[in-house]
Amino acid sequence: MTVAKLMLDEDFEAMAADDAQRWRLERKGDLQVWVTLSPEGHEQEVFTARLAWTKYSDDWPPSVLFVDPATGAVNVPSAWPTGQGFRPPNDICANWTSEGFVTHPEWKADPTKRLNMHGNPLRFIVVTLQHELDCHFTGRFAPRC
C-alpha cells in the first residue's frame, strides 16, 4: 500500500464525515474518487466527476473529468455541465486540474498558477468544483448542430 493511497484514504474518510449534504463520494481506485454533485438551485441536475491523481499531494491537482455514471465514459458531452473553463468532453481548463497544466505548460513555472492545497487536497478540489458549479452553471452541455 502506497503512502499516497493511505493519505487519500484518510482524507476520504474525513470528507465522508461532513459536507455530505452537498455531494456524494465514491472510491473507484487507489487514487481515484468519483464525486456526484449538483449546482446550487439546480438540484435536479446531477453530475459525476472523476478525480484521478497520479500522485496524491498538496501541490499537484488531479485529472478532473465528468463521467457518464452508467458507463464510466469520460467522452460523453451530455454528462458535462456548463462552467467556467469547462470544455466538454475534453477537459476543464483551470489551475485546479491536471488538464489545465497540460494545456498551459507555462503555468508550471508561474508561482501564481501553482496550487498549495494545505490540509485535505480532496476537500480542496471538491469544494472548488462545487463552487464553480454554484457560481457558473447555466445548464447541461448540449452540442450545437
Protein backbone atom coordinates (compact mmCIF):
# COMPACT_ATOMS: atom_id res chain seq x y z
CA MET A 1 0.00 0.00 0.00
CA THR A 2 1.44 3.36 -1.02
CA VAL A 3 1.74 6.45 1.14
CA ALA A 4 -0.37 8.37 -1.40
CA LYS A 5 -3.20 5.84 -1.13
CA LEU A 6 -3.06 5.97 2.67
CA MET A 7 -3.20 9.78 2.58
CA LEU A 8 -6.20 9.72 0.22
CA ASP A 9 -7.89 7.08 2.40
CA GLU A 10 -7.55 9.36 5.42
CA ASP A 11 -8.80 12.45 3.57
CA PHE A 12 -11.68 10.49 2.03
CA GLU A 13 -12.83 9.32 5.46
CA ALA A 14 -12.65 12.88 6.79
CA MET A 15 -14.75 14.12 3.85
CA ALA A 16 -17.36 11.39 4.29
CA ALA A 17 -17.98 12.66 7.81
CA ASP A 18 -19.06 16.17 6.81
CA ASP A 19 -20.44 18.20 3.90
CA ALA A 20 -22.25 15.06 2.73
CA GLN A 21 -25.40 17.06 2.01
CA ARG A 22 -23.75 18.75 -0.98
CA TRP A 23 -22.06 15.77 -2.63
CA ARG A 24 -21.60 12.01 -2.61
CA LEU A 25 -18.11 10.49 -2.79
CA GLU A 26 -17.21 7.05 -4.08
CA ARG A 27 -13.78 5.42 -4.24
CA LYS A 28 -13.06 3.89 -7.63
CA GLY A 29 -9.39 3.02 -7.32
CA ASP A 30 -6.30 3.61 -5.25
CA LEU A 31 -6.02 7.26 -6.33
CA GLN A 32 -9.44 7.84 -7.88
CA VAL A 33 -12.62 9.29 -6.42
CA TRP A 34 -15.94 9.97 -8.11
CA VAL A 35 -17.93 12.88 -6.73
CA THR A 36 -21.60 13.36 -7.54
CA LEU A 37 -22.93 16.86 -7.03
CA SER A 38 -25.47 19.42 -8.21
CA PRO A 39 -25.29 23.18 -8.73
CA GLU A 40 -27.00 25.19 -6.01
CA GLY A 41 -30.58 25.89 -7.05
CA HIS A 42 -30.47 23.15 -9.70
CA GLU A 43 -30.60 20.05 -7.52
CA GLN A 44 -32.38 18.10 -10.29
CA GLU A 45 -29.20 18.43 -12.42
CA VAL A 46 -26.82 15.77 -11.13
CA PHE A 47 -23.25 15.41 -12.39
CA THR A 48 -20.47 12.96 -11.60
CA ALA A 49 -16.83 13.99 -11.84
CA ARG A 50 -13.89 11.60 -11.83
CA LEU A 51 -10.98 12.88 -9.76
CA ALA A 52 -7.87 10.88 -10.63
CA TRP A 53 -4.48 11.62 -9.12
CA THR A 54 -1.18 10.33 -10.48
CA LYS A 55 0.25 11.23 -7.07
CA TYR A 56 -1.81 12.41 -4.14
CA SER A 57 -0.21 15.54 -2.76
CA ASP A 58 -0.94 19.11 -1.85
CA ASP A 59 0.82 20.68 -4.82
CA TRP A 60 -0.42 18.81 -7.89
CA PRO A 61 -4.08 18.67 -8.92
CA PRO A 62 -5.90 15.60 -10.19
CA SER A 63 -7.40 14.97 -13.57
CA VAL A 64 -10.98 16.23 -13.31
CA LEU A 65 -13.36 14.94 -15.96
CA PHE A 66 -17.12 14.43 -15.89
CA VAL A 67 -18.29 10.89 -16.49
CA ASP A 68 -21.41 9.14 -17.61
CA PRO A 69 -22.17 7.35 -14.33
CA ALA A 70 -23.80 4.38 -16.09
CA THR A 71 -20.77 3.60 -18.26
CA GLY A 72 -17.86 5.47 -16.69
CA ALA A 73 -17.10 7.03 -20.07
CA VAL A 74 -15.46 10.48 -19.94
CA ASN A 75 -16.17 11.36 -23.57
CA VAL A 76 -19.93 11.94 -23.25
CA PRO A 77 -20.67 15.67 -23.74
CA SER A 78 -24.15 15.42 -22.20
CA ALA A 79 -22.58 14.24 -18.93
CA TRP A 80 -20.94 17.66 -18.57
CA PRO A 81 -22.33 20.83 -17.01
CA THR A 82 -21.53 24.25 -18.31
CA GLY A 83 -18.94 26.14 -16.29
CA GLN A 84 -16.01 28.48 -16.40
CA GLY A 85 -13.23 26.77 -18.37
CA PHE A 86 -15.33 23.62 -18.93
CA ARG A 87 -14.68 22.26 -22.44
CA PRO A 88 -16.83 19.14 -22.84
CA PRO A 89 -15.92 16.37 -23.34
CA ASN A 90 -12.20 17.18 -23.26
CA ASP A 91 -11.21 18.98 -20.09
CA ILE A 92 -11.58 21.76 -17.58
CA CYS A 93 -9.00 24.40 -18.32
CA ALA A 94 -8.24 25.55 -14.78
CA ASN A 95 -5.27 25.52 -12.45
CA TRP A 96 -7.07 23.08 -10.13
CA THR A 97 -6.99 20.32 -12.79
CA SER A 98 -4.02 18.49 -14.27
CA GLU A 99 -5.59 19.06 -17.71
CA GLY A 100 -5.15 22.81 -17.21
CA PHE A 101 -1.42 22.31 -16.79
CA VAL A 102 -1.27 20.10 -19.89
CA THR A 103 -2.98 22.82 -21.92
CA HIS A 104 -0.81 25.55 -20.35
CA PRO A 105 2.64 24.11 -19.56
CA GLU A 106 3.85 27.63 -18.83
CA TRP A 107 1.72 27.56 -15.66
CA LYS A 108 4.22 25.16 -14.08
CA ALA A 109 6.77 27.98 -13.91
CA ASP A 110 4.24 30.59 -12.76
CA PRO A 111 4.03 30.69 -8.95
CA THR A 112 0.63 32.41 -9.16
CA LYS A 113 -0.82 29.39 -11.01
CA ARG A 114 0.57 26.66 -8.75
CA LEU A 115 -1.75 25.46 -6.02
CA ASN A 116 -0.93 24.78 -2.45
CA MET A 117 -3.79 22.66 -1.17
CA HIS A 118 -2.73 22.54 2.50
CA GLY A 119 -4.65 20.07 4.57
CA ASN A 120 -7.01 17.88 2.57
CA PRO A 121 -6.40 18.08 -1.22
CA LEU A 122 -9.56 16.05 -1.90
CA ARG A 123 -11.63 18.61 0.02
CA PHE A 124 -9.94 21.48 -1.83
CA ILE A 125 -10.82 20.02 -5.25
CA VAL A 126 -14.40 19.06 -4.32
CA VAL A 127 -15.12 22.45 -2.74
CA THR A 128 -13.60 24.23 -5.76
CA LEU A 129 -15.67 22.14 -8.18
CA GLN A 130 -18.84 22.74 -6.15
CA HIS A 131 -18.12 26.48 -6.12
CA GLU A 132 -17.64 26.53 -9.90
CA LEU A 133 -20.97 24.78 -10.41
CA ASP A 134 -22.75 27.02 -7.91
CA CYS A 135 -21.41 30.23 -9.47
CA HIS A 136 -21.13 29.49 -13.21
CA PHE A 137 -23.67 26.79 -14.11
CA THR A 138 -26.06 27.75 -16.91
CA GLY A 139 -27.25 24.28 -17.92
CA ARG A 140 -26.23 20.85 -19.07
CA PHE A 141 -23.89 20.95 -22.04
CA ALA A 142 -25.69 20.47 -25.35
CA PRO A 143 -23.59 20.36 -28.53
CA ARG A 144 -24.62 22.73 -31.28
CA CYS A 145 -25.58 21.32 -34.66
